[in-house]
Amino acid sequence: MANTVSDSISDGQRVERVHSADGAEADLLLTLPADARDGLLWIPALGVPARHYQIFADELAARGIALARHEWRGIGSSSLRASRGNDWCYRELLGDVEKSLAAAQAAAPHVRWLVGGHSLGSQFAAMAFALHRDAIAGLVVIAGGMPYWKNFPGINAFGIRALFALAPAIARWRGYFPGRRFGFGGNEARAVMRDWAVTGRSGSYSIPTLDGDIDSALAGRQGPVLGVWLDEDWFTPRASFDHLVAKLARADITVRQLTQTDFDGIAADHFGWIKQPKPVVDRIADWIESTAFESTKPAMKENP
């Protein structure tokens, strides 16, 4: 079963306990407006708990859009924590997203589900979009990109390249990567950091732990895609954003750029928009209203 516990919080708010194939558990936070026809399965930035996107959920609900907030394995409501004896990789993380998608569809079968993400979450959203064609109607990328080291400007590129060697080494030594201490992500599993470093060094998803050719799946995926880039986002420079979006070569891509003038007193950067998400929500809602989506199946089959 994708979800066995459903607790009512308040009108339109639900929590589904999602169980992954290997026994991992986490909450899926659902905001379901009564009139919602479209919904977004949301994958947060690495190390950011799903609860931190509550204002985002409320703003989407005001526009009649449902939000299902996925929880990363290892943080927040997850039953697991990274340690020397507790490791996982991109394959397990993608499997967790699949279970959250199935749980969202079961909770709201009348909703047409899209997938979206922030930062590394946008990469996993893009992979899910490519792998589950019949179940996902569209993709939303917010402040996300491909972390290929050559996408970073000037001397920063060499610092990022060094990070892709240093982070996995630290993770092997400690048994996990202490991201809280370094200001990058949470306390992350060492195999996750290894897989992340592969994408940063190569610019591709040719990761041994992933099944199939993800880059080819992305290149062949048709359908609507919205990308929102924030022009003060040094975590995701424009070249990084463009690199990820360009992988979806056959998709119908819409790009919106936000600047400080779009926000009220905050920078248009990687994390600031979470505190004031209305400009992002307006772009998402307007795009959904103006886009012709193909039909999706009402539910996806789960892998046993």
Protein backbone atom coordinates (compact mmCIF):
# COMPACT_ATOMS: atom_id res chain seq x y z
CA MET A 1 0.00 0.00 0.00
CA ALA A 2 1.30 3.47 -0.81
CA ASN A 3 -0.34 4.98 2.23
CA THR A 4 -1.95 3.41 5.26
CA VAL A 5 -2.55 6.40 7.54
CA SER A 6 -4.59 9.47 6.69
CA ASP A 7 -5.02 12.16 9.35
CA SER A 8 -7.21 15.22 8.88
CA ILE A 9 -5.49 18.44 9.99
CA SER A 10 -8.04 21.01 8.87
CA ASP A 11 -10.23 21.68 5.87
CA GLY A 12 -8.27 20.73 2.78
CA GLN A 13 -5.19 19.61 4.73
CA ARG A 14 -4.26 15.95 5.03
CA VAL A 15 -1.27 13.83 5.92
CA GLU A 16 -0.61 10.49 4.25
CA ARG A 17 2.02 8.17 5.64
CA VAL A 18 3.88 6.81 2.61
CA HIS A 19 5.70 3.49 2.75
CA SER A 20 8.53 2.77 0.33
CA ALA A 21 9.47 -0.66 -0.96
CA ASP A 22 12.35 -1.14 1.50
CA GLY A 23 10.32 -0.12 4.54
CA ALA A 24 11.23 3.56 4.71
CA GLU A 25 8.36 5.84 5.72
CA ALA A 26 7.63 9.54 5.48
CA ASP A 27 4.65 11.91 5.55
CA LEU A 28 3.14 13.33 2.39
CA LEU A 29 1.58 16.71 3.23
CA LEU A 30 -1.50 17.34 1.12
CA THR A 31 -3.28 20.65 0.59
CA LEU A 32 -6.43 19.88 -1.40
CA PRO A 33 -8.74 22.79 -2.24
CA ALA A 34 -12.28 21.54 -2.77
CA ASP A 35 -12.38 22.89 -6.33
CA ALA A 36 -8.88 21.76 -7.38
CA ARG A 37 -8.61 20.24 -10.84
CA ASP A 38 -4.82 20.41 -10.98
CA GLY A 39 -2.22 19.48 -8.41
CA LEU A 40 1.53 19.62 -8.02
CA LEU A 41 3.57 16.84 -6.46
CA TRP A 42 6.31 18.95 -4.91
CA ILE A 43 9.89 17.82 -4.25
CA PRO A 44 11.74 20.23 -1.93
CA ALA A 45 15.34 21.35 -2.08
CA LEU A 46 17.85 18.92 -0.62
CA GLY A 47 17.81 19.07 3.17
CA VAL A 48 14.67 21.23 3.36
CA PRO A 49 11.73 19.61 5.20
CA ALA A 50 8.40 19.59 3.39
CA ARG A 51 6.73 21.66 6.13
CA HIS A 52 8.81 24.69 5.14
CA TYR A 53 6.70 25.11 1.99
CA GLN A 54 3.44 25.82 3.85
CA ILE A 55 3.11 29.39 2.53
CA PHE A 56 3.68 28.04 -0.98
CA ALA A 57 0.90 25.49 -0.41
CA ASP A 58 -1.47 28.18 0.88
CA GLU A 59 -0.81 30.49 -2.09
CA LEU A 60 -1.40 27.66 -4.56
CA ALA A 61 -4.61 26.71 -2.75
CA ALA A 62 -5.81 30.32 -3.13
CA ARG A 63 -5.47 29.79 -6.89
CA GLY A 64 -7.32 26.46 -6.71
CA ILE A 65 -4.22 24.26 -7.14
CA ALA A 66 -3.50 21.27 -4.90
CA LEU A 67 -0.05 20.59 -3.49
CA ALA A 68 1.38 17.28 -2.28
CA ARG A 69 4.67 17.91 -0.46
CA HIS A 70 7.09 14.99 -0.71
CA GLU A 71 9.55 14.44 2.13
CA TRP A 72 13.18 13.60 1.44
CA ARG A 73 14.43 10.36 2.93
CA GLY A 74 16.56 11.15 5.98
CA ILE A 75 14.97 14.41 7.21
CA GLY A 76 11.78 15.74 8.76
CA SER A 77 9.09 13.08 9.06
CA SER A 78 11.25 10.39 7.45
CA SER A 79 11.72 7.23 9.52
CA LEU A 80 15.40 7.09 8.52
CA ARG A 81 18.51 9.09 9.27
CA ALA A 82 21.78 8.82 7.34
CA SER A 83 24.57 7.06 9.21
CA ARG A 84 27.44 4.70 8.59
CA GLY A 85 25.03 1.78 8.83
CA ASN A 86 22.16 3.45 6.99
CA ASP A 87 22.88 4.42 3.40
CA TRP A 88 20.86 4.96 0.21
CA CYS A 89 21.34 6.34 -3.29
CA TYR A 90 19.44 8.06 -6.11
CA ARG A 91 17.59 4.84 -6.97
CA GLU A 92 15.89 4.73 -3.57
CA LEU A 93 15.13 8.45 -3.70
CA LEU A 94 13.40 8.06 -7.06
CA GLY A 95 11.47 5.11 -5.68
CA ASP A 96 10.28 7.30 -2.81
CA VAL A 97 9.01 9.90 -5.29
CA GLU A 98 7.09 7.18 -7.15
CA LYS A 99 5.36 6.14 -3.91
CA SER A 100 4.46 9.74 -3.10
CA LEU A 101 2.97 10.15 -6.56
CA ALA A 102 0.84 7.05 -6.10
CA ALA A 103 -0.30 8.29 -2.67
CA ALA A 104 -1.25 11.71 -4.08
CA GLN A 105 -3.26 10.12 -6.86
CA ALA A 106 -5.03 7.82 -4.43
CA ALA A 107 -5.87 10.72 -2.12
CA ALA A 108 -7.21 12.92 -4.93
CA PRO A 109 -8.02 10.79 -8.01
CA HIS A 110 -10.02 13.64 -9.56
CA VAL A 111 -6.92 15.87 -9.71
CA ARG A 112 -4.61 16.05 -12.74
CA TRP A 113 -1.16 15.73 -11.19
CA LEU A 114 1.94 17.55 -12.33
CA VAL A 115 5.36 17.26 -10.71
CA GLY A 116 7.64 20.07 -9.65
CA GLY A 117 10.65 20.76 -7.53
CA HIS A 118 13.07 23.24 -6.05
CA SER A 119 16.85 22.99 -6.50
CA LEU A 120 17.88 19.29 -6.46
CA GLY A 121 14.18 18.54 -6.11
CA SER A 122 13.67 19.91 -9.62
CA GLN A 123 16.15 17.35 -10.95
CA PHE A 124 14.21 14.53 -9.34
CA ALA A 125 10.96 16.06 -10.60
CA ALA A 126 12.39 16.09 -14.12
CA MET A 127 13.47 12.45 -13.83
CA ALA A 128 10.03 11.46 -12.53
CA PHE A 129 8.41 13.40 -15.40
CA ALA A 130 10.52 11.42 -17.87
CA LEU A 131 9.95 8.03 -16.24
CA HIS A 132 6.20 8.21 -15.51
CA ARG A 133 4.77 9.57 -18.74
CA ASP A 134 1.25 8.26 -18.26
CA ALA A 135 0.87 9.52 -14.70
CA ILE A 136 2.33 13.04 -14.81
CA ALA A 137 0.85 15.77 -17.00
CA GLY A 138 3.58 18.40 -16.75
CA LEU A 139 6.74 19.59 -15.03
CA VAL A 140 7.58 22.72 -13.00
CA VAL A 141 11.23 23.65 -12.32
CA ILE A 142 11.82 26.36 -9.69
CA ALA A 143 15.38 27.58 -9.00
CA GLY A 144 16.74 24.30 -10.29
CA GLY A 145 19.44 23.27 -12.67
CA MET A 146 22.13 20.80 -13.60
CA PRO A 147 25.08 21.15 -11.19
CA TYR A 148 27.72 20.54 -13.87
CA TRP A 149 30.82 22.35 -12.66
CA LYS A 150 31.40 24.13 -15.98
CA ASN A 151 28.02 25.85 -15.60
CA PHE A 152 29.42 28.01 -12.79
CA PRO A 153 31.15 31.29 -13.65
CA GLY A 154 34.82 32.10 -13.26
CA ILE A 155 36.81 30.74 -10.37
CA ASN A 156 33.63 29.38 -8.77
CA ALA A 157 33.74 26.55 -11.29
CA PHE A 158 36.96 25.19 -9.80
CA GLY A 159 35.61 25.48 -6.27
CA ILE A 160 32.51 23.54 -7.28
CA ARG A 161 34.67 20.95 -9.05
CA ALA A 162 36.68 20.49 -5.86
CA LEU A 163 33.44 20.10 -3.87
CA PHE A 164 32.46 17.15 -6.03
CA ALA A 165 35.61 15.39 -4.88
CA LEU A 166 35.57 16.61 -1.27
CA ALA A 167 31.93 15.94 -0.32
CA PRO A 168 31.92 12.21 -1.20
CA ALA A 169 35.29 11.80 0.53
CA ILE A 170 33.96 13.39 3.71
CA ALA A 171 30.86 11.21 3.51
CA ARG A 172 32.95 8.05 3.21
CA TRP A 173 35.09 9.09 6.16
CA ARG A 174 32.18 10.08 8.44
CA GLY A 175 29.74 7.46 7.18
CA TYR A 176 27.42 10.25 5.99
CA PHE A 177 27.80 13.83 4.80
CA PRO A 178 27.28 16.37 7.65
CA GLY A 179 25.57 18.93 5.46
CA ARG A 180 24.21 20.96 8.36
CA ARG A 181 27.76 21.75 9.41
CA PHE A 182 28.81 22.76 5.90
CA GLY A 183 25.65 24.70 5.07
CA PHE A 184 24.71 22.42 2.19
CA GLY A 185 21.72 20.11 2.44
CA GLY A 186 21.03 18.08 5.55
CA ASN A 187 22.92 15.12 6.93
CA GLU A 188 23.01 13.18 3.67
CA ALA A 189 23.65 9.54 2.84
CA ARG A 190 27.09 8.91 1.42
CA ALA A 191 25.76 7.17 -1.73
CA VAL A 192 23.54 10.20 -2.44
CA MET A 193 26.60 12.43 -2.33
CA ARG A 194 28.46 10.02 -4.58
CA ASP A 195 25.64 10.06 -7.16
CA TRP A 196 25.29 13.84 -6.90
CA ALA A 197 29.02 14.24 -7.54
CA VAL A 198 28.74 12.10 -10.69
CA THR A 199 26.16 14.51 -12.12
CA GLY A 200 28.33 17.48 -11.17
CA ARG A 201 31.46 16.12 -12.80
CA SER A 202 29.79 14.82 -15.96
CA GLY A 203 26.67 16.91 -16.51
CA SER A 204 24.65 13.73 -17.09
CA TYR A 205 22.57 11.16 -15.22
CA SER A 206 24.77 8.24 -16.24
CA ILE A 207 24.79 6.97 -12.66
CA PRO A 208 25.47 3.25 -12.13
CA THR A 209 22.79 2.97 -9.44
CA LEU A 210 20.03 4.25 -11.75
CA ASP A 211 18.17 1.85 -14.01
CA GLY A 212 17.99 2.74 -17.69
CA ASP A 213 19.19 5.74 -19.66
CA ILE A 214 17.75 8.74 -17.82
CA ASP A 215 19.21 11.29 -20.22
CA SER A 216 17.56 9.57 -23.18
CA ALA A 217 14.26 9.40 -21.30
CA LEU A 218 14.48 13.13 -20.62
CA ALA A 219 15.37 13.88 -24.25
CA GLY A 220 12.39 11.92 -25.52
CA ARG A 221 9.79 13.24 -23.09
CA GLN A 222 7.14 15.44 -24.65
CA GLY A 223 4.73 17.60 -22.69
CA PRO A 224 4.51 21.01 -21.06
CA VAL A 225 7.34 22.30 -18.86
CA LEU A 226 7.54 25.54 -16.88
CA GLY A 227 10.91 26.77 -15.68
CA VAL A 228 11.24 29.72 -13.27
CA TRP A 229 14.71 31.20 -12.83
CA LEU A 230 15.58 33.76 -10.16
CA ASP A 231 18.18 36.24 -11.34
CA GLU A 232 20.03 36.53 -7.99
CA ASP A 233 20.34 32.77 -7.58
CA TRP A 234 24.05 32.04 -7.28
CA PHE A 235 23.31 28.41 -6.30
CA THR A 236 21.78 27.93 -9.76
CA PRO A 237 23.36 30.21 -12.35
CA ARG A 238 21.50 30.63 -15.63
CA ALA A 239 23.79 28.18 -17.42
CA SER A 240 22.90 25.50 -14.86
CA PHE A 241 19.16 26.19 -15.22
CA ASP A 242 19.41 26.15 -19.03
CA HIS A 243 21.38 22.88 -18.96
CA LEU A 244 18.63 21.05 -17.09
CA VAL A 245 15.82 22.49 -19.18
CA ALA A 246 17.70 21.71 -22.42
CA LYS A 247 17.74 18.02 -21.52
CA LEU A 248 13.99 18.04 -22.27
CA ALA A 249 14.63 18.52 -25.96
CA ARG A 250 11.14 17.54 -27.17
CA ALA A 251 9.13 19.22 -24.42
CA ASP A 252 7.04 22.38 -24.79
CA ILE A 253 9.09 24.66 -22.54
CA THR A 254 8.04 27.98 -21.05
CA VAL A 255 10.64 29.99 -19.11
CA ARG A 256 9.89 32.84 -16.73
CA GLN A 257 12.56 35.00 -15.08
CA LEU A 258 11.91 36.75 -11.78
CA THR A 259 13.88 39.72 -10.46
CA GLN A 260 13.88 41.64 -7.18
CA THR A 261 11.19 43.97 -8.53
CA ASP A 262 8.80 41.00 -8.58
CA PHE A 263 9.19 40.53 -4.81
CA ASP A 264 8.47 42.83 -1.89
CA GLY A 265 11.76 43.60 -0.20
CA ILE A 266 13.51 40.26 -0.67
CA ALA A 267 16.14 39.12 -3.11
CA ALA A 268 15.17 36.96 -6.07
CA ASP A 269 17.47 34.20 -4.92
CA HIS A 270 17.57 30.47 -4.28
CA PHE A 271 15.72 30.36 -0.95
CA GLY A 272 14.21 33.81 -0.41
CA TRP A 273 11.20 33.10 -2.61
CA ILE A 274 9.94 30.45 -0.14
CA LYS A 275 9.08 33.25 2.30
CA GLN A 276 7.17 35.18 -0.35
CA PRO A 277 6.11 32.67 -3.02
CA LYS A 278 3.20 34.58 -4.58
CA PRO A 279 5.18 35.75 -7.65
CA VAL A 280 6.22 32.14 -8.30
CA VAL A 281 2.69 30.86 -7.68
CA ASP A 282 1.24 33.45 -10.08
CA ARG A 283 3.54 32.18 -12.85
CA ILE A 284 2.61 28.58 -12.13
CA ALA A 285 -1.13 29.26 -12.01
CA ASP A 286 -1.13 31.41 -15.16
CA TRP A 287 0.86 28.75 -17.00
CA ILE A 288 -1.52 25.98 -15.94
CA GLU A 289 -4.52 28.04 -17.02
CA SER A 290 -3.02 28.72 -20.46
CA THR A 291 -1.62 25.23 -21.15
CA ALA A 292 -3.30 22.34 -22.95
CA PHE A 293 -2.35 19.20 -21.04
CA GLU A 294 -2.70 15.68 -22.37
CA SER A 295 -4.85 13.27 -20.40
CA THR A 296 -3.16 11.21 -17.72
CA LYS A 297 -4.23 7.94 -16.23
CA PRO A 298 -6.14 8.40 -12.97
CA ALA A 299 -3.71 6.27 -11.03
CA MET A 300 -0.35 4.64 -11.59
CA LYS A 301 0.52 1.08 -10.82
CA GLU A 302 2.92 0.68 -7.97
CA ASN A 303 5.89 -1.56 -8.08
CA PRO A 304 5.62 -4.27 -5.44
